[in-house]
C-alpha atoms as a PDB file:
ATOM      1  CA  MET A   1      -3.427  36.153  33.129  1.00  0.00           C
ATOM      2  CA  THR A   2      -2.020  39.732  33.098  1.00  0.00           C
ATOM      3  CA  ASP A   3       1.022  41.362  33.371  1.00  0.00           C
ATOM      4  CA  TYR A   4       2.911  43.873  35.410  1.00  0.00           C
ATOM      5  CA  THR A   5       3.232  47.383  33.970  1.00  0.00           C
ATOM      6  CA  LYS A   6       4.696  50.263  36.060  1.00  0.00           C
ATOM      7  CA  LEU A   7       2.206  53.191  37.443  1.00  0.00           C
ATOM      8  CA  THR A   8       4.230  55.779  38.658  1.00  0.00           C
ATOM      9  CA  ASP A   9       7.729  56.795  37.087  1.00  0.00           C
ATOM     10  CA  PHE A  10      10.033  57.438  39.905  1.00  0.00           C
ATOM     11  CA  ALA A  11      13.183  58.029  38.145  1.00  0.00           C
ATOM     12  CA  ALA A  12      10.947  61.332  36.734  1.00  0.00           C
ATOM     13  CA  LYS A  13      10.233  62.120  40.333  1.00  0.00           C
ATOM     14  CA  ASP A  14      14.102  62.071  41.221  1.00  0.00           C
ATOM     15  CA  ALA A  15      14.984  64.111  38.795  1.00  0.00           C
ATOM     16  CA  LEU A  16      12.546  66.942  39.999  1.00  0.00           C
ATOM     17  CA  ALA A  17      14.035  69.952  41.586  1.00  0.00           C
ATOM     18  CA  ILE A  18      14.142  69.713  45.343  1.00  0.00           C
ATOM     19  CA  GLY A  19      10.551  71.275  46.582  1.00  0.00           C
ATOM     20  CA  VAL A  20       8.820  70.607  43.731  1.00  0.00           C
ATOM     21  CA  PRO A  21       5.346  69.028  45.237  1.00  0.00           C
ATOM     22  CA  GLU A  22       4.823  66.345  42.759  1.00  0.00           C
ATOM     23  CA  LYS A  23       8.759  65.187  44.004  1.00  0.00           C
ATOM     24  CA  LEU A  24       7.163  63.828  46.848  1.00  0.00           C
ATOM     25  CA  VAL A  25       6.038  59.717  47.067  1.00  0.00           C
ATOM     26  CA  MET A  26       2.979  59.682  48.247  1.00  0.00           C
ATOM     27  CA  GLY A  27       1.728  56.297  49.916  1.00  0.00           C
ATOM     28  CA  ALA A  28      -1.498  56.142  47.595  1.00  0.00           C
ATOM     29  CA  GLU A  29       1.567  55.974  44.644  1.00  0.00           C
ATOM     30  CA  LEU A  30       2.594  53.257  46.633  1.00  0.00           C
ATOM     31  CA  ASP A  31      -0.146  51.398  47.388  1.00  0.00           C
ATOM     32  CA  ALA A  32      -1.372  51.417  43.552  1.00  0.00           C
ATOM     33  CA  GLU A  33       2.229  50.075  42.344  1.00  0.00           C
ATOM     34  CA  PHE A  34       1.756  47.238  45.017  1.00  0.00           C
ATOM     35  CA  GLU A  35      -0.933  45.775  43.961  1.00  0.00           C
ATOM     36  CA  ALA A  36      -0.740  45.976  40.299  1.00  0.00           C
ATOM     37  CA  ILE A  37       2.472  43.918  41.200  1.00  0.00           C
ATOM     38  CA  GLU A  38       0.504  41.595  43.505  1.00  0.00           C
ATOM     39  CA  ALA A  39      -2.473  41.432  41.313  1.00  0.00           C
ATOM     40  CA  ALA A  40      -0.188  40.564  38.143  1.00  0.00           C
ATOM     41  CA  ILE A  41       1.811  37.938  40.567  1.00  0.00           C
ATOM     42  CA  ALA A  42      -1.568  36.159  41.401  1.00  0.00           C
ATOM     43  CA  SER A  43      -2.230  35.536  37.792  1.00  0.00           C
ATOM     44  CA  LYS A  44       0.844  33.654  37.270  1.00  0.00           C
ATOM     45  CA  THR A  45       1.893  29.922  37.903  1.00  0.00           C
ATOM     46  CA  ASP A  46       5.124  29.286  40.122  1.00  0.00           C
ATOM     47  CA  GLY A  47       7.323  26.315  39.531  1.00  0.00           C
ATOM     48  CA  ILE A  48       5.868  24.321  42.238  1.00  0.00           C
ATOM     49  CA  GLY A  49       2.176  26.224  41.357  1.00  0.00           C
ATOM     50  CA  ASN A  50      -1.108  24.707  39.951  1.00  0.00           C
ATOM     51  CA  VAL A  51      -3.107  25.957  36.635  1.00  0.00           C
ATOM     52  CA  ALA A  52      -6.494  26.531  37.324  1.00  0.00           C
ATOM     53  CA  VAL A  53      -9.396  23.816  37.035  1.00  0.00           C
ATOM     54  CA  GLY A  54     -10.599  23.822  33.352  1.00  0.00           C
ATOM     55  CA  ASP A  55     -10.798  23.067  29.946  1.00  0.00           C
ATOM     56  CA  TYR A  56      -7.965  24.517  28.010  1.00  0.00           C
ATOM     57  CA  GLY A  57      -8.237  23.051  24.979  1.00  0.00           C
ATOM     58  CA  ASP A  58      -6.509  19.883  23.801  1.00  0.00           C
ATOM     59  CA  ILE A  59      -6.055  19.493  27.849  1.00  0.00           C
ATOM     60  CA  THR A  60      -8.534  19.276  30.251  1.00  0.00           C
ATOM     61  CA  VAL A  61      -7.474  20.516  34.286  1.00  0.00           C
ATOM     62  CA  SER A  62      -9.241  19.079  37.409  1.00  0.00           C
ATOM     63  CA  ALA A  63      -8.001  18.182  41.075  1.00  0.00           C
ATOM     64  CA  GLY A  64      -7.453  21.564  41.698  1.00  0.00           C
ATOM     65  CA  GLY A  65      -5.259  21.849  39.233  1.00  0.00           C
ATOM     66  CA  ALA A  66      -2.975  18.604  40.230  1.00  0.00           C
ATOM     67  CA  THR A  67      -4.283  16.231  36.961  1.00  0.00           C
ATOM     68  CA  TRP A  68      -3.440  17.355  33.273  1.00  0.00           C
ATOM     69  CA  THR A  69      -6.109  15.134  31.104  1.00  0.00           C
ATOM     70  CA  LEU A  70      -5.224  14.807  27.458  1.00  0.00           C
ATOM     71  CA  ASP A  71      -8.928  14.855  25.688  1.00  0.00           C
ATOM     72  CA  THR A  72     -10.291  12.493  23.542  1.00  0.00           C
ATOM     73  CA  ALA A  73      -9.163  12.475  19.906  1.00  0.00           C
ATOM     74  CA  THR A  74      -6.746  15.354  20.212  1.00  0.00           C
ATOM     75  CA  VAL A  75      -3.475  12.945  19.725  1.00  0.00           C
ATOM     76  CA  SER A  76      -3.443  12.626  15.831  1.00  0.00           C
ATOM     77  CA  LEU A  77      -0.803  10.731  13.953  1.00  0.00           C
ATOM     78  CA  ALA A  78       0.708  14.109  12.900  1.00  0.00           C
ATOM     79  CA  LYS A  79       1.556  14.987  16.489  1.00  0.00           C
ATOM     80  CA  MET A  80       2.664  10.821  17.090  1.00  0.00           C
ATOM     81  CA  ALA A  81       5.793  10.841  15.817  1.00  0.00           C
ATOM     82  CA  ASN A  82       7.669  11.209  12.265  1.00  0.00           C
ATOM     83  CA  LEU A  83       7.241   7.855  11.402  1.00  0.00           C
ATOM     84  CA  ALA A  84      10.366   5.988   9.047  1.00  0.00           C
ATOM     85  CA  ALA A  85       9.185   4.744   5.421  1.00  0.00           C
ATOM     86  CA  SER A  86       8.064   1.201   5.300  1.00  0.00           C
ATOM     87  CA  LYS A  87       7.354   0.916   9.093  1.00  0.00           C
ATOM     88  CA  PHE A  88       4.353  -0.024  11.381  1.00  0.00           C
ATOM     89  CA  ILE A  89       2.897   1.400  14.799  1.00  0.00           C
ATOM     90  CA  ALA A  90       2.479  -1.893  16.951  1.00  0.00           C
ATOM     91  CA  ARG A  91       5.077  -3.496  19.471  1.00  0.00           C
ATOM     92  CA  ALA A  92       7.735  -6.400  18.992  1.00  0.00           C
ATOM     93  CA  THR A  93       9.363  -6.558  22.259  1.00  0.00           C
ATOM     94  CA  ALA A  94       7.811  -9.208  24.461  1.00  0.00           C
ATOM     95  CA  SER A  95       6.291  -7.173  27.262  1.00  0.00           C
ATOM     96  CA  THR A  96       4.123  -4.716  27.916  1.00  0.00           C
ATOM     97  CA  GLY A  97       5.305  -1.035  27.488  1.00  0.00           C
ATOM     98  CA  VAL A  98       5.354   2.190  24.829  1.00  0.00           C
ATOM     99  CA  PRO A  99       4.658   1.397  20.693  1.00  0.00           C
ATOM    100  CA  GLU A 100       7.499   0.767  18.600  1.00  0.00           C
ATOM    101  CA  ALA A 101       8.339   1.463  14.756  1.00  0.00           C
ATOM    102  CA  VAL A 102       8.171  -2.533  13.506  1.00  0.00           C
ATOM    103  CA  THR A 103       9.020  -3.832  10.226  1.00  0.00           C
ATOM    104  CA  PHE A 104       7.009  -6.639   7.998  1.00  0.00           C
ATOM    105  CA  ALA A 105       9.444  -9.098   9.159  1.00  0.00           C
ATOM    106  CA  ASP A 106       8.481  -8.421  13.060  1.00  0.00           C
ATOM    107  CA  PHE A 107       5.218  -8.972  11.783  1.00  0.00           C
ATOM    108  CA  ALA A 108       5.479 -12.360  10.503  1.00  0.00           C
ATOM    109  CA  ALA A 109       8.273 -13.156  13.353  1.00  0.00           C
ATOM    110  CA  LEU A 110       5.411 -12.322  15.730  1.00  0.00           C
ATOM    111  CA  ALA A 111       2.709 -14.833  14.201  1.00  0.00           C
ATOM    112  CA  GLU A 112       1.633 -18.067  15.053  1.00  0.00           C
ATOM    113  CA  ALA A 113       1.914 -21.064  13.949  1.00  0.00           C
ATOM    114  CA  PRO A 114      -0.005 -21.593  10.270  1.00  0.00           C
ATOM    115  CA  ASP A 115      -3.268 -22.756  10.169  1.00  0.00           C
ATOM    116  CA  ALA A 116      -6.039 -23.075   7.803  1.00  0.00           C
ATOM    117  CA  ASP A 117      -6.750 -19.754   8.168  1.00  0.00           C
ATOM    118  CA  ASP A 118      -3.532 -18.081   8.548  1.00  0.00           C
ATOM    119  CA  PRO A 119      -2.126 -15.017   6.241  1.00  0.00           C
ATOM    120  CA  LEU A 120      -0.414 -16.445   3.054  1.00  0.00           C
ATOM    121  CA  LEU A 121       2.671 -14.097   2.078  1.00  0.00           C
ATOM    122  CA  VAL A 122       3.078 -13.962  -1.536  1.00  0.00           C
ATOM    123  CA  TYR A 123       7.114 -12.591  -2.365  1.00  0.00           C
ATOM    124  CA  ASP A 124       7.625 -10.621  -5.402  1.00  0.00           C
ATOM    125  CA  ALA A 125      11.441 -10.865  -5.927  1.00  0.00           C
ATOM    126  CA  SER A 126      11.535  -8.302  -8.012  1.00  0.00           C
ATOM    127  CA  ALA A 127      10.237  -5.461  -5.213  1.00  0.00           C
ATOM    128  CA  SER A 128      11.172  -4.856  -1.827  1.00  0.00           C
ATOM    129  CA  ALA A 129      10.670  -6.923   1.331  1.00  0.00           C
ATOM    130  CA  HIS A 130       8.277  -4.232   2.475  1.00  0.00           C
ATOM    131  CA  LYS A 131       6.186  -5.178  -1.160  1.00  0.00           C
ATOM    132  CA  GLN A 132       5.104  -8.429   0.584  1.00  0.00           C
ATOM    133  CA  VAL A 133       1.211  -8.922   0.621  1.00  0.00           C
ATOM    134  CA  ALA A 134      -0.419 -10.719   3.637  1.00  0.00           C
ATOM    135  CA  PHE A 135      -4.072 -11.696   2.814  1.00  0.00           C
ATOM    136  CA  LYS A 136      -6.853 -14.489   3.934  1.00  0.00           C
ATOM    137  CA  TYR A 137      -7.056 -17.166   1.604  1.00  0.00           C
ATOM    138  CA  ALA A 138      -9.621 -19.409   1.304  1.00  0.00           C
ATOM    139  CA  VAL A 139      -9.782 -23.096   1.067  1.00  0.00           C
ATOM    140  CA  GLY A 140     -11.980 -25.518  -0.859  1.00  0.00           C
ATOM    141  CA  ILE A 141     -15.359 -23.173  -2.398  1.00  0.00           C
ATOM    142  CA  PRO A 142     -17.478 -22.257   0.533  1.00  0.00           C
ATOM    143  CA  GLN A 143     -21.113 -23.289   0.354  1.00  0.00           C
ATOM    144  CA  ASN A 144     -24.124 -21.469   0.429  1.00  0.00           C
ATOM    145  CA  ALA A 145     -27.219 -23.621   0.344  1.00  0.00           C
ATOM    146  CA  GLN A 146     -30.189 -22.299  -1.289  1.00  0.00           C
ATOM    147  CA  ASP A 147     -33.384 -24.519  -1.523  1.00  0.00           C
ATOM    148  CA  GLY A 148     -35.709 -22.126  -3.548  1.00  0.00           C
ATOM    149  CA  ASN A 149     -35.173 -19.004  -5.877  1.00  0.00           C
ATOM    150  CA  TYR A 150     -32.436 -16.848  -4.617  1.00  0.00           C
ATOM    151  CA  THR A 151     -30.211 -14.103  -5.949  1.00  0.00           C
ATOM    152  CA  VAL A 152     -26.769 -14.122  -6.313  1.00  0.00           C
ATOM    153  CA  ALA A 153     -25.405 -11.341  -3.764  1.00  0.00           C
ATOM    154  CA  LEU A 154     -21.887 -10.332  -3.455  1.00  0.00           C
ATOM    155  CA  THR A 155     -20.652 -12.282  -0.649  1.00  0.00           C
ATOM    156  CA  ASP A 156     -21.389 -15.445  -3.086  1.00  0.00           C
ATOM    157  CA  ASN A 157     -18.034 -14.541  -4.647  1.00  0.00           C
ATOM    158  CA  GLY A 158     -16.015 -17.650  -5.079  1.00  0.00           C
ATOM    159  CA  LYS A 159     -18.459 -19.855  -3.202  1.00  0.00           C
ATOM    160  CA  HIS A 160     -20.837 -22.854  -4.286  1.00  0.00           C
ATOM    161  CA  ILE A 161     -24.704 -22.278  -4.501  1.00  0.00           C
ATOM    162  CA  LEU A 162     -25.537 -25.581  -3.816  1.00  0.00           C
ATOM    163  CA  HIS A 163     -29.828 -26.561  -4.937  1.00  0.00           C
ATOM    164  CA  SER A 164     -29.826 -29.612  -2.390  1.00  0.00           C
ATOM    165  CA  SER A 165     -31.857 -33.208  -2.943  1.00  0.00           C
ATOM    166  CA  SER A 166     -34.364 -31.709  -0.767  1.00  0.00           C
ATOM    167  CA  GLY A 167     -34.399 -28.938  -3.306  1.00  0.00           C
ATOM    168  CA  GLY A 168     -38.027 -28.496  -5.169  1.00  0.00           C
ATOM    169  CA  ALA A 169     -39.095 -27.682  -8.940  1.00  0.00           C
ATOM    170  CA  GLY A 170     -39.264 -24.303 -10.959  1.00  0.00           C
ATOM    171  CA  ASP A 171     -36.542 -22.898  -8.365  1.00  0.00           C
ATOM    172  CA  THR A 172     -34.637 -19.752 -10.183  1.00  0.00           C
ATOM    173  CA  TYR A 173     -30.717 -18.934  -9.164  1.00  0.00           C
ATOM    174  CA  THR A 174     -30.814 -15.360 -10.726  1.00  0.00           C
ATOM    175  CA  ILE A 175     -27.798 -13.130 -11.290  1.00  0.00           C
ATOM    176  CA  PRO A 176     -28.608  -9.209 -10.926  1.00  0.00           C
ATOM    177  CA  ALA A 177     -27.948  -6.970 -13.305  1.00  0.00           C
ATOM    178  CA  ASN A 178     -24.725  -4.819 -13.752  1.00  0.00           C
ATOM    179  CA  ALA A 179     -27.239  -1.802 -12.792  1.00  0.00           C
ATOM    180  CA  SER A 180     -28.829  -3.248  -9.402  1.00  0.00           C
ATOM    181  CA  VAL A 181     -25.716  -5.201  -8.020  1.00  0.00           C
ATOM    182  CA  ALA A 182     -22.269  -3.753  -9.323  1.00  0.00           C
ATOM    183  CA  LEU A 183     -20.684  -7.031  -8.562  1.00  0.00           C
ATOM    184  CA  PRO A 184     -16.657  -6.833  -9.704  1.00  0.00           C
ATOM    185  CA  ILE A 185     -15.461  -7.902 -13.265  1.00  0.00           C
ATOM    186  CA  GLY A 186     -13.703 -11.737 -12.271  1.00  0.00           C
ATOM    187  CA  PHE A 187     -16.454 -12.548  -9.834  1.00  0.00           C
ATOM    188  CA  THR A 188     -17.063 -16.650  -9.726  1.00  0.00           C
ATOM    189  CA  VAL A 189     -20.105 -18.227  -9.040  1.00  0.00           C
ATOM    190  CA  THR A 190     -20.823 -22.111  -9.363  1.00  0.00           C
ATOM    191  CA  PHE A 191     -24.167 -23.531  -9.123  1.00  0.00           C
ATOM    192  CA  VAL A 192     -24.334 -27.406  -7.931  1.00  0.00           C
ATOM    193  CA  ASN A 193     -27.325 -29.100  -8.128  1.00  0.00           C
ATOM    194  CA  LEU A 194     -27.938 -32.304  -6.097  1.00  0.00           C
ATOM    195  CA  ASP A 195     -31.594 -32.753  -6.690  1.00  0.00           C
ATOM    196  CA  ALA A 196     -32.145 -36.104  -8.257  1.00  0.00           C
ATOM    197  CA  THR A 197     -35.522 -35.130  -9.361  1.00  0.00           C
ATOM    198  CA  ASN A 198     -35.419 -30.958 -10.462  1.00  0.00           C
ATOM    199  CA  ASN A 199     -33.497 -28.786 -12.859  1.00  0.00           C
ATOM    200  CA  VAL A 200     -32.872 -25.459 -11.855  1.00  0.00           C
ATOM    201  CA  SER A 201     -32.351 -22.380 -13.788  1.00  0.00           C
ATOM    202  CA  ILE A 202     -29.872 -20.017 -13.805  1.00  0.00           C
ATOM    203  CA  ALA A 203     -30.826 -16.893 -15.305  1.00  0.00           C
ATOM    204  CA  ILE A 204     -29.296 -13.386 -15.843  1.00  0.00           C
ATOM    205  CA  THR A 205     -31.936 -10.343 -16.219  1.00  0.00           C
ATOM    206  CA  THR A 206     -30.808  -7.154 -18.650  1.00  0.00           C
ATOM    207  CA  ASP A 207     -27.311  -8.425 -18.642  1.00  0.00           C
ATOM    208  CA  THR A 208     -25.886 -11.179 -21.238  1.00  0.00           C
ATOM    209  CA  MET A 209     -24.520 -14.122 -19.998  1.00  0.00           C
ATOM    210  CA  TYR A 210     -22.579 -16.124 -22.672  1.00  0.00           C
ATOM    211  CA  LEU A 211     -22.491 -20.691 -22.917  1.00  0.00           C
ATOM    212  CA  ALA A 212     -19.434 -21.395 -22.937  1.00  0.00           C
ATOM    213  CA  GLY A 213     -18.418 -22.994 -26.194  1.00  0.00           C
ATOM    214  CA  SER A 214     -21.254 -22.460 -28.303  1.00  0.00           C
ATOM    215  CA  GLY A 215     -21.936 -18.868 -27.079  1.00  0.00           C
ATOM    216  CA  THR A 216     -25.997 -18.710 -26.986  1.00  0.00           C
ATOM    217  CA  THR A 217     -27.467 -16.477 -24.468  1.00  0.00           C
ATOM    218  CA  GLY A 218     -30.024 -16.661 -21.932  1.00  0.00           C
ATOM    219  CA  THR A 219     -31.638 -18.429 -18.991  1.00  0.00           C
ATOM    220  CA  ARG A 220     -29.696 -21.745 -18.759  1.00  0.00           C
ATOM    221  CA  THR A 221     -30.596 -24.835 -17.516  1.00  0.00           C
ATOM    222  CA  LEU A 222     -28.673 -27.208 -14.869  1.00  0.00           C
ATOM    223  CA  GLY A 223     -29.894 -31.172 -15.275  1.00  0.00           C
ATOM    224  CA  THR A 224     -30.061 -33.214 -11.902  1.00  0.00           C
ATOM    225  CA  TYR A 225     -26.172 -33.811 -10.694  1.00  0.00           C
ATOM    226  CA  GLY A 226     -25.641 -30.778 -12.791  1.00  0.00           C
ATOM    227  CA  TRP A 227     -22.639 -28.367 -11.789  1.00  0.00           C
ATOM    228  CA  ALA A 228     -21.824 -25.005 -13.857  1.00  0.00           C
ATOM    229  CA  THR A 229     -19.635 -21.877 -13.011  1.00  0.00           C
ATOM    230  CA  ALA A 230     -20.307 -18.507 -14.171  1.00  0.00           C
ATOM    231  CA  MET A 231     -17.502 -15.816 -14.293  1.00  0.00           C
ATOM    232  CA  LYS A 232     -18.519 -11.692 -15.016  1.00  0.00           C
ATOM    233  CA  VAL A 233     -15.534 -11.058 -17.802  1.00  0.00           C
ATOM    234  CA  ALA A 234     -17.274  -7.603 -18.222  1.00  0.00           C
ATOM    235  CA  SER A 235     -19.249  -4.481 -16.986  1.00  0.00           C
ATOM    236  CA  THR A 236     -22.719  -6.472 -18.046  1.00  0.00           C
ATOM    237  CA  THR A 237     -21.174  -9.739 -19.508  1.00  0.00           C
ATOM    238  CA  TRP A 238     -20.768 -13.312 -18.290  1.00  0.00           C
ATOM    239  CA  ILE A 239     -19.736 -17.084 -19.195  1.00  0.00           C
ATOM    240  CA  ILE A 240     -20.824 -19.933 -18.087  1.00  0.00           C
ATOM    241  CA  TYR A 241     -20.022 -23.359 -18.213  1.00  0.00           C
ATOM    242  CA  GLY A 242     -20.493 -27.027 -16.533  1.00  0.00           C
ATOM    243  CA  ALA A 243     -21.609 -30.286 -16.787  1.00  0.00           C
ATOM    244  CA  GLY A 244     -25.252 -30.813 -17.073  1.00  0.00           C
ATOM    245  CA  LEU A 245     -26.066 -27.447 -18.286  1.00  0.00           C
ATOM    246  CA  ALA A 246     -27.978 -26.696 -21.462  1.00  0.00           C
END
């Protein structure tokens, strides 16, 4: 878009003495002036006009200028709104509509009837309400059945590894070295041997596993119908205890 710039100083012509040729206004001067005005007007948009089709950065204009569309992912969080402290973007009103700034209490009011997989709300009385924590809790100790050799994985945290009655002889469950799989401190896994005939070995690679009570280290043997729990207490240190564990 261009702005209009006057080409001829008509006031200066008026100031000239009568009879001076330059005082005359020529048709060519008027033509040039009106053409400059026309060009400037054509480059502008009036109140009911349309912007030319094209991409103007964050906005794309189409349909002859009648449709303006925000480009994908151009509305950042900073552009959306100024959100008050301790609020969340959601919708608490029971109808379709624009997002709202809601509180933790609004989330609680929107929760379904509780079941075994619902969030458990833990409240610290020393903190304000917005410091409440929502998390998923597990009921029982989930099972990972493994007949054969098996290496403990990150997903086994809080689970029990089952060696079933159909398990074979010489099977070994291995706790990986921290250098290869950095399981978090506090990682806890339980081993259960329901095999009535065969023992299971519980081994550790280059880290150290202590037998609770005695402090001996090394691979442990879990006897038939045995049960044992191992916990990581330092980056390369574990402790294990249980029944039928030698």
